[in-house]
Protein backbone atom coordinates (compact mmCIF):
# COMPACT_ATOMS: atom_id res chain seq x y z
CA MET A 1 -27.05 12.40 4.81
CA THR A 2 -27.71 10.22 1.64
CA ASN A 3 -28.89 6.59 2.33
CA ARG A 4 -26.60 4.84 -0.43
CA SER A 5 -26.92 1.15 -1.06
CA SER A 6 -23.62 -1.50 -1.22
CA THR A 7 -24.00 -1.40 -5.12
CA ASP A 8 -23.68 2.42 -5.53
CA LEU A 9 -20.01 2.05 -3.08
CA PRO A 10 -16.95 2.71 -5.37
CA PRO A 11 -15.04 -0.84 -6.23
CA VAL A 12 -11.59 -1.57 -4.49
CA ALA A 13 -8.75 0.17 -5.94
CA THR A 14 -7.23 -2.90 -7.99
CA GLU A 15 -5.32 -1.24 -10.38
CA TYR A 16 -2.15 1.34 -10.27
CA ASN A 17 -1.28 3.20 -13.62
CA GLY A 18 -4.29 0.75 -15.28
CA VAL A 19 -2.10 -2.31 -14.23
CA ASP A 20 -2.80 -5.28 -12.07
CA ARG A 21 -1.19 -4.02 -8.54
CA ASN A 22 0.18 -7.70 -8.17
CA ALA A 23 1.94 -7.81 -11.66
CA PHE A 24 5.57 -8.13 -11.40
CA LEU A 25 7.11 -5.36 -13.32
CA PHE A 26 10.59 -3.98 -13.61
CA GLY A 27 11.39 -0.50 -13.50
CA TRP A 28 10.27 2.26 -11.34
CA THR A 29 6.59 1.42 -10.92
CA PRO A 30 3.83 1.20 -8.00
CA GLN A 31 3.74 -2.75 -8.66
CA ALA A 32 7.54 -2.80 -8.16
CA GLU A 33 7.44 -1.14 -4.84
CA LEU A 34 5.29 -2.96 -3.89
CA TRP A 35 6.86 -6.26 -4.42
CA ASN A 36 10.33 -4.54 -3.08
CA GLY A 37 8.41 -4.45 -0.01
CA ARG A 38 6.99 -7.97 0.44
CA LEU A 39 10.40 -9.47 -0.32
CA ALA A 40 12.51 -7.15 1.90
CA ALA A 41 9.49 -8.39 4.43
CA ILE A 42 10.11 -11.94 3.80
CA GLY A 43 14.07 -11.75 3.71
CA PHE A 44 13.34 -10.68 7.24
CA LEU A 45 11.66 -12.77 8.50
CA ALA A 46 13.84 -15.16 7.27
CA TYR A 47 16.84 -13.65 8.69
CA LEU A 48 14.57 -13.33 11.91
CA LEU A 49 13.74 -16.81 12.27
CA TRP A 50 17.21 -17.83 11.20
CA ASP A 51 18.64 -15.74 14.21
CA LEU A 52 16.22 -17.07 16.83
CA ALA A 53 17.30 -20.97 15.43
CA GLY A 54 20.58 -19.82 17.03
CA TYR A 55 22.59 -18.92 13.53
CA SER A 56 23.53 -15.26 13.60
CA VAL A 57 25.48 -13.64 11.34
CA LEU A 58 25.55 -9.97 13.37
CA ARG A 59 26.76 -12.17 16.47
CA ASP A 60 29.49 -13.87 14.89
CA VAL A 61 30.82 -10.58 13.11
CA LEU A 62 30.69 -9.01 16.28
CA ARG A 63 32.66 -11.38 18.09
CA ILE A 64 35.19 -11.19 15.53
CA ILE A 65 35.85 -7.60 16.16
CA GLY A 66 35.80 -7.88 19.12
CA TYR A 67 32.65 -6.46 20.74
């Protein structure tokens, strides 16, 4: 086993396809998939908080159709 100092460690991956991972790019890019996931998580959390506050679209729709 080789004893390596902390300066010999590889850098953390900060890029995809030679572009910053947080760049807001359109199209089929890894950056777009990261932003899609982030925005989906924010939307899910917003709906969950909205539902916990008593405003539920799903519950209202089920009530309208008779369930």
